[in-house]
Amino acid sequence: MNAIQQLEELKNKYPPIIKPNDTYKTRSNKINDLRKGTKKILNLIIINRFLFRRI
């Protein structure tokens, strides 16, 4: 899977929907997932910039 496909997959998955009746644990898990997803997106952007500069 290339970087563009990974970005598309993450875009469709995030942001997670936080509902009023979610427990603290559920909200915490969703927020942590969002942080991880954001980190992945930023890393993919950095990698793509580096690769495209070298071409």
N, C-alpha and C. Protein backbone atom coordinates (compact mmCIF):
# COMPACT_ATOMS: atom_id res chain seq x y z
N MET A 1 0.86 -1.18 0.00
CA MET A 1 0.00 0.00 0.00
C MET A 1 0.90 1.24 0.00
N ASN A 2 0.63 2.15 -0.93
CA ASN A 2 1.46 3.34 -0.98
C ASN A 2 0.94 4.42 -0.03
N ALA A 3 1.69 5.50 0.07
CA ALA A 3 1.38 6.56 1.03
C ALA A 3 0.04 7.22 0.74
N ILE A 4 -0.29 7.41 -0.53
CA ILE A 4 -1.56 8.06 -0.88
C ILE A 4 -2.73 7.19 -0.44
N GLN A 5 -2.64 5.90 -0.65
CA GLN A 5 -3.70 4.99 -0.21
C GLN A 5 -3.84 5.00 1.31
N GLN A 6 -2.72 5.07 2.02
CA GLN A 6 -2.76 5.12 3.48
C GLN A 6 -3.43 6.41 3.95
N LEU A 7 -3.12 7.52 3.28
CA LEU A 7 -3.76 8.79 3.65
C LEU A 7 -5.26 8.73 3.40
N GLU A 8 -5.68 8.16 2.28
CA GLU A 8 -7.10 8.03 1.99
C GLU A 8 -7.80 7.17 3.04
N GLU A 9 -7.15 6.09 3.43
CA GLU A 9 -7.72 5.20 4.45
C GLU A 9 -7.88 5.94 5.78
N LEU A 10 -6.86 6.69 6.17
CA LEU A 10 -6.93 7.44 7.42
C LEU A 10 -7.98 8.55 7.34
N LYS A 11 -8.08 9.19 6.18
CA LYS A 11 -9.05 10.27 6.01
C LYS A 11 -10.47 9.75 6.22
N ASN A 12 -10.74 8.56 5.72
CA ASN A 12 -12.08 7.98 5.86
C ASN A 12 -12.36 7.51 7.28
N LYS A 13 -11.33 7.24 8.04
CA LYS A 13 -11.49 6.72 9.39
C LYS A 13 -11.57 7.83 10.45
N TYR A 14 -10.98 8.98 10.20
CA TYR A 14 -10.89 10.03 11.20
C TYR A 14 -11.63 11.27 10.77
N PRO A 15 -12.09 12.10 11.66
CA PRO A 15 -11.97 11.96 13.11
C PRO A 15 -13.02 10.98 13.64
N PRO A 16 -12.68 10.31 14.72
CA PRO A 16 -13.67 9.41 15.32
C PRO A 16 -14.81 10.22 15.92
N ILE A 17 -15.98 9.67 15.90
CA ILE A 17 -17.15 10.37 16.44
C ILE A 17 -17.25 10.09 17.93
N ILE A 18 -17.21 11.15 18.71
CA ILE A 18 -17.34 11.03 20.16
C ILE A 18 -18.78 11.36 20.52
N LYS A 19 -19.46 10.40 21.13
CA LYS A 19 -20.87 10.55 21.47
C LYS A 19 -21.02 10.95 22.93
N PRO A 20 -22.09 11.65 23.26
CA PRO A 20 -22.29 12.07 24.66
C PRO A 20 -22.38 10.90 25.64
N ASN A 21 -22.86 9.76 25.18
CA ASN A 21 -23.01 8.63 26.11
C ASN A 21 -21.78 7.73 26.15
N ASP A 22 -20.69 8.11 25.48
CA ASP A 22 -19.44 7.34 25.56
C ASP A 22 -18.87 7.41 26.97
N THR A 23 -18.29 6.31 27.40
CA THR A 23 -17.65 6.30 28.71
C THR A 23 -16.31 7.04 28.62
N TYR A 24 -15.74 7.33 29.76
CA TYR A 24 -14.44 8.00 29.79
C TYR A 24 -13.40 7.18 29.04
N LYS A 25 -13.42 5.87 29.25
CA LYS A 25 -12.45 4.97 28.61
C LYS A 25 -12.62 4.99 27.08
N THR A 26 -13.85 4.96 26.62
CA THR A 26 -14.11 4.99 25.18
C THR A 26 -13.63 6.30 24.58
N ARG A 27 -13.94 7.40 25.25
CA ARG A 27 -13.47 8.71 24.75
C ARG A 27 -11.96 8.77 24.72
N SER A 28 -11.34 8.27 25.77
CA SER A 28 -9.88 8.26 25.85
C SER A 28 -9.28 7.44 24.71
N ASN A 29 -9.87 6.28 24.44
CA ASN A 29 -9.38 5.44 23.34
C ASN A 29 -9.53 6.14 21.99
N LYS A 30 -10.65 6.81 21.77
CA LYS A 30 -10.88 7.51 20.51
C LYS A 30 -9.89 8.66 20.34
N ILE A 31 -9.62 9.38 21.42
CA ILE A 31 -8.66 10.49 21.35
C ILE A 31 -7.26 9.96 21.09
N ASN A 32 -6.89 8.87 21.74
CA ASN A 32 -5.57 8.27 21.49
C ASN A 32 -5.45 7.77 20.05
N ASP A 33 -6.52 7.18 19.52
CA ASP A 33 -6.52 6.74 18.12
C ASP A 33 -6.34 7.94 17.19
N LEU A 34 -7.00 9.03 17.52
CA LEU A 34 -6.88 10.24 16.70
C LEU A 34 -5.45 10.77 16.73
N ARG A 35 -4.82 10.74 17.88
CA ARG A 35 -3.42 11.17 17.98
C ARG A 35 -2.52 10.29 17.12
N LYS A 36 -2.72 8.99 17.20
CA LYS A 36 -1.91 8.06 16.40
C LYS A 36 -2.14 8.29 14.91
N GLY A 37 -3.40 8.49 14.53
CA GLY A 37 -3.72 8.73 13.13
C GLY A 37 -3.10 10.02 12.62
N THR A 38 -3.14 11.06 13.45
CA THR A 38 -2.55 12.34 13.08
C THR A 38 -1.04 12.19 12.91
N LYS A 39 -0.43 11.45 13.81
CA LYS A 39 1.02 11.23 13.71
C LYS A 39 1.37 10.48 12.42
N LYS A 40 0.56 9.47 12.07
CA LYS A 40 0.80 8.73 10.83
C LYS A 40 0.69 9.65 9.62
N ILE A 41 -0.34 10.50 9.61
CA ILE A 41 -0.54 11.41 8.49
C ILE A 41 0.64 12.36 8.36
N LEU A 42 1.08 12.93 9.47
CA LEU A 42 2.22 13.85 9.43
C LEU A 42 3.49 13.15 8.96
N ASN A 43 3.71 11.94 9.42
CA ASN A 43 4.89 11.18 8.98
C ASN A 43 4.82 10.89 7.48
N LEU A 44 3.64 10.53 6.98
CA LEU A 44 3.50 10.27 5.55
C LEU A 44 3.75 11.53 4.73
N ILE A 45 3.29 12.67 5.21
CA ILE A 45 3.53 13.93 4.51
C ILE A 45 5.01 14.23 4.46
N ILE A 46 5.69 14.05 5.57
CA ILE A 46 7.14 14.31 5.63
C ILE A 46 7.88 13.37 4.69
N ILE A 47 7.52 12.10 4.70
CA ILE A 47 8.17 11.12 3.81
C ILE A 47 7.93 11.49 2.35
N ASN A 48 6.69 11.85 2.01
CA ASN A 48 6.38 12.21 0.62
C ASN A 48 7.16 13.45 0.18
N ARG A 49 7.27 14.43 1.05
CA ARG A 49 8.04 15.63 0.69
C ARG A 49 9.49 15.27 0.41
N PHE A 50 10.05 14.42 1.26
CA PHE A 50 11.44 14.01 1.08
C PHE A 50 11.61 13.26 -0.24
N LEU A 51 10.70 12.34 -0.53
CA LEU A 51 10.81 11.55 -1.75
C LEU A 51 10.65 12.41 -3.00
N PHE A 52 9.71 13.35 -2.98
CA PHE A 52 9.47 14.17 -4.17
C PHE A 52 10.58 15.19 -4.39
N ARG A 53 11.28 15.58 -3.37
CA ARG A 53 12.42 16.50 -3.54
C ARG A 53 13.57 15.81 -4.26
N ARG A 54 13.69 14.51 -4.04
CA ARG A 54 14.82 13.78 -4.61
C ARG A 54 14.60 13.45 -6.09
N ILE A 55 13.37 13.56 -6.55
CA ILE A 55 13.07 13.20 -7.95
C ILE A 55 13.47 14.35 -8.87
